[in-house]
Each structure stands twice: as C-alpha cells, then as structure tokens.
Protein backbone atom coordinates (compact mmCIF):
# COMPACT_ATOMS: atom_id res chain seq x y z
CA MET A 1 10.73 30.89 42.41
CA ALA A 2 10.13 31.05 38.68
CA LEU A 3 10.53 34.08 36.45
CA ASN A 4 8.13 36.97 36.74
CA PRO A 5 5.47 37.05 33.92
CA ILE A 6 6.96 37.70 30.53
CA GLN A 7 4.68 39.83 28.49
CA PRO A 8 4.97 42.42 25.70
CA VAL A 9 6.46 45.66 27.00
CA THR A 10 8.03 48.75 25.57
CA LEU A 11 11.65 49.47 26.66
CA LYS A 12 13.28 52.83 26.05
CA ASN A 13 16.37 54.78 26.68
CA GLU A 14 18.12 57.82 25.01
CA PHE A 15 19.56 55.75 22.17
CA ALA A 16 16.90 53.17 21.32
CA THR A 17 13.31 52.03 21.79
CA LEU A 18 12.09 48.41 21.74
CA ILE A 19 8.41 47.97 21.06
CA PRO A 20 6.37 44.73 20.88
CA LEU A 21 6.64 43.29 17.31
CA GLU A 22 3.41 43.57 15.24
CA ARG A 23 2.29 42.60 11.79
CA ALA A 24 1.93 46.27 10.90
CA HIS A 25 5.74 46.55 11.04
CA THR A 26 6.30 44.17 8.05
CA ASN A 27 6.93 46.86 5.34
CA ALA A 28 9.22 48.97 7.42
CA LEU A 29 11.25 45.94 8.63
CA GLY A 30 11.37 44.59 5.03
CA GLU A 31 12.89 47.89 3.91
CA ALA A 32 15.34 47.87 6.83
CA ALA A 33 16.59 44.37 5.91
CA LYS A 34 17.29 45.64 2.35
CA ASP A 35 19.86 48.08 3.84
CA GLY A 36 22.81 45.78 3.57
CA GLU A 37 20.89 42.86 2.03
CA LEU A 38 21.21 41.14 5.31
CA TRP A 39 19.77 37.83 4.02
CA ASN A 40 22.97 37.36 2.03
CA LEU A 41 24.91 36.71 5.27
CA TRP A 42 24.96 32.92 5.07
CA TYR A 43 25.95 32.42 8.72
CA THR A 44 22.89 34.13 10.21
CA PHE A 45 19.11 34.08 9.66
CA VAL A 46 17.55 37.31 8.27
CA ALA A 47 14.39 37.17 6.17
CA THR A 48 14.27 38.84 2.79
CA ALA A 49 11.83 41.73 2.37
CA ASP A 50 9.40 39.27 0.60
CA GLN A 51 9.66 36.80 3.51
CA MET A 52 9.42 39.32 6.27
CA GLY A 53 5.72 38.80 6.79
CA ASN A 54 6.15 35.07 7.27
CA ASP A 55 9.04 35.63 9.67
CA ILE A 56 7.06 38.05 11.72
CA GLU A 57 4.08 35.70 11.79
CA GLU A 58 6.30 32.83 13.12
CA ARG A 59 7.67 35.07 15.86
CA LEU A 60 4.18 36.16 16.88
CA ILE A 61 3.08 32.49 17.02
CA GLN A 62 6.00 31.74 19.30
CA ARG A 63 5.07 34.82 21.44
CA ASN A 64 1.57 33.37 21.78
CA GLU A 65 3.02 29.99 22.80
CA GLY A 66 5.24 31.65 25.43
CA SER A 67 8.54 30.63 23.95
CA ARG A 68 9.62 34.04 22.57
CA LEU A 69 9.13 37.74 23.25
CA PRO A 70 9.93 39.59 19.97
CA PHE A 71 10.65 43.29 19.70
CA THR A 72 10.98 45.83 16.89
CA VAL A 73 13.98 48.14 17.29
CA LEU A 74 13.56 51.85 16.78
CA THR A 75 16.08 54.67 16.51
CA PRO A 76 15.56 57.78 18.73
CA GLU A 77 13.84 59.31 15.68
CA GLY A 78 11.35 56.45 15.60
CA GLU A 79 12.63 54.67 12.49
CA MET A 80 12.33 50.87 12.50
CA VAL A 81 15.72 49.45 11.86
CA GLY A 82 15.71 45.85 13.16
CA MET A 83 14.38 43.15 15.42
CA THR A 84 15.47 41.26 18.59
CA SER A 85 13.91 38.77 20.96
CA TYR A 86 13.97 36.95 24.24
CA LEU A 87 14.23 33.28 23.25
CA HIS A 88 14.48 29.83 24.95
CA ILE A 89 12.45 31.24 27.92
CA ASP A 90 13.16 28.87 30.80
CA LYS A 91 10.78 29.95 33.58
CA PRO A 92 11.65 27.34 36.28
CA ASN A 93 15.41 27.96 35.84
CA ARG A 94 14.98 31.75 35.47
CA ARG A 95 16.94 32.03 32.24
CA VAL A 96 16.38 33.60 28.81
CA GLU A 97 18.41 34.09 25.65
CA ILE A 98 18.71 37.43 23.89
CA GLY A 99 18.97 36.68 20.18
CA SER A 100 17.50 36.52 16.74
CA THR A 101 18.80 40.13 16.47
CA TRP A 102 19.51 41.99 13.31
CA TYR A 103 19.91 45.71 12.37
CA ALA A 104 19.89 47.57 9.07
CA ALA A 105 23.46 48.36 7.93
CA ARG A 106 23.01 52.05 8.71
CA ALA A 107 22.28 51.22 12.38
CA GLN A 108 25.34 48.93 12.77
CA ARG A 109 28.45 50.25 14.47
CA THR A 110 26.38 52.92 16.28
CA PRO A 111 25.40 53.06 20.01
CA LEU A 112 22.12 51.27 19.10
CA ASN A 113 23.18 47.70 19.82
CA THR A 114 24.76 48.66 23.20
CA ALA A 115 21.59 50.55 24.09
CA CYS A 116 19.30 47.65 23.16
CA LYS A 117 21.36 45.16 25.08
CA LEU A 118 21.25 47.45 28.15
CA LEU A 119 17.54 47.65 27.87
CA LEU A 120 17.06 43.89 27.45
CA LEU A 121 19.54 42.90 30.19
CA SER A 122 18.02 45.39 32.60
CA HIS A 123 14.58 44.04 32.08
CA ALA A 124 15.71 40.47 32.29
CA PHE A 125 17.70 40.83 35.50
CA ASP A 126 15.80 43.70 37.27
CA ASP A 127 12.23 43.08 36.27
CA LEU A 128 11.90 39.41 35.26
CA GLY A 129 14.22 38.02 37.89
CA CYS A 130 16.61 36.13 35.64
CA ILE A 131 19.71 34.52 37.15
CA ALA A 132 21.40 34.11 33.72
CA VAL A 133 20.99 35.54 30.28
CA GLU A 134 22.43 33.67 27.24
CA PHE A 135 23.64 34.80 23.83
CA ARG A 136 24.28 32.42 20.92
CA THR A 137 25.98 32.94 17.56
CA HIS A 138 27.64 31.04 14.71
CA ILE A 139 31.25 30.28 15.42
CA VAL A 140 32.28 32.07 12.18
CA ASN A 141 30.17 35.22 13.00
CA HIS A 142 33.22 37.10 14.40
CA ARG A 143 31.51 40.45 14.43
CA SER A 144 28.68 39.05 16.53
CA ARG A 145 31.12 37.26 18.81
CA ARG A 146 33.15 40.41 19.42
CA ALA A 147 30.02 42.38 20.11
CA ILE A 148 28.80 39.79 22.67
CA GLU A 149 32.22 39.70 24.32
CA ARG A 150 32.26 43.50 24.55
CA LEU A 151 29.08 43.31 26.58
CA GLY A 152 31.00 41.37 29.17
CA ALA A 153 29.52 37.94 28.42
CA LYS A 154 31.63 34.84 29.01
CA LEU A 155 31.88 31.90 26.64
CA ASP A 156 30.20 28.88 28.15
CA GLY A 157 30.99 26.50 25.32
CA ILE A 158 30.49 25.52 21.70
CA LEU A 159 27.68 23.28 20.49
CA ARG A 160 29.19 21.43 17.54
CA ASN A 161 26.97 20.65 14.53
CA HIS A 162 24.20 22.42 16.43
CA GLN A 163 22.09 23.40 13.42
CA ILE A 164 21.85 22.79 9.72
CA MET A 165 21.88 26.11 7.80
CA PRO A 166 19.72 26.84 4.79
CA ASN A 167 22.73 26.26 2.49
CA GLY A 168 23.31 22.81 4.03
CA THR A 169 26.40 23.67 6.10
CA TYR A 170 26.57 22.79 9.73
CA ARG A 171 26.56 25.57 12.37
CA ASP A 172 28.79 25.32 15.40
CA THR A 173 27.02 27.61 17.94
CA CYS A 174 29.03 29.57 20.49
CA VAL A 175 27.05 29.96 23.74
CA TYR A 176 27.75 32.92 25.97
CA SER A 177 26.15 34.09 29.22
CA ILE A 178 26.00 36.82 31.79
CA ILE A 179 25.02 35.69 35.26
CA ARG A 180 23.28 37.61 38.02
CA GLY A 181 26.49 38.17 40.01
CA GLU A 182 28.16 39.75 36.96
CA TRP A 183 25.21 42.07 36.09
CA PRO A 184 26.12 45.08 38.29
CA THR A 185 29.57 45.35 36.64
CA VAL A 186 28.12 44.68 33.14
CA LYS A 187 25.47 47.32 33.70
CA THR A 188 28.04 49.88 34.79
CA LEU A 189 30.16 48.96 31.79
CA LEU A 190 27.29 49.51 29.26
CA GLU A 191 26.20 52.71 30.91
CA HIS A 192 29.74 54.03 30.74
CA LYS A 193 30.02 53.16 27.00
CA LEU A 194 26.80 55.04 26.28
CA LYS A 195 27.85 57.98 28.38
CA GLY A 196 30.91 58.34 26.24
CA VAL A 197 28.86 58.95 23.10
CA ARG A 198 26.48 61.56 24.43
C-alpha cells in the first residue's frame, strides 16, 4: 500500500497555521527572512529577500512535479514568518522528509516550531499513512540538531560530503527519523510541551 494522495492542505492548531505556499507570499516571506538576515547562516539554505521569488517558484515547480509539498508558516495572528515542506516524498515506501524549514528570528525559540512539527507529523502519520518521517540537517547546525532531537527523532546516520554548499564547503548531513511505532509517544511528548505554554 502506497501513501495516501499528497496534496496542498491547510494545517492548524492553537500556535501555528500552515497554508499552501503561493507566489503571493513572496513579499511577506522576504520581509520575514530579513529578520535575522537568515541567508547569512552559511550552513543552511535561506533565500535573500531579493531571491525569495525564485526560491518560491522552485518550490512550486517541485510541488507540481510531486516531489515536494511546501507550506507558508503563520503565527496565530496570521503573520507569515517562515516556510517548511514535505520533501523526498517516497510513495511506495511510505516515507517523507520534513525540511527546508526556516523561521524569522522573532519566531525562533517560541512554541511555533513544536506546533508546526506536531501538525506535519500528525498529517504524515495519521492522514498520509507514513511509516517513517525523516529530518536532515548540517552536522554543524547544532541548534537544528538539538531541536530535532527534542522532537524525539533518532539519529539514523551521517551522510559524509553529502552536498556542496554555496561557499564551496562540503556538508555532512545528519539524518534523523521517527518511525510509526514511535509516533504515539512522540505525539504525546509534543502535545505535553505545548500544553505547558498555554
């Protein structure tokens, strides 16, 4: 049995809303990326405000090809503060990756990321029928690695010299996953974390 159909959908809880990415979001997301000048983080990929339109266009092309499902991240007040995606959609093996995620500096270290991951994991396991969900990050991106580990994901391994970064350095990629048998515990953990900030 393959994955259930993966199509644009709105996901929402008390702390965040994920809506299908659209070209009309370009200016707001460009402004969000300016908060913290996220493109200056050499170990990750975030478009500059001027490049945001091209970045969104590429994500939409991949959505049309069926290899990505991109979302715009909104605060409870409706402010656009970042992007995230399902990537590496493997329908026969019922796996997806959650990644290509970034948030404006003002949205970091808030309940937003936990809330977004709960939404995406719930949809992946409960609606799409995934048996595993992956997360990938640069080996030196310690903040991202800690955040992934706090979700309850386990380190599967490290892909050495996995990518060449824009500055010419080589990226070793840490691959994490949550599998279906772990999902009930992870879900309870994330719901408990969010309950504590109400």
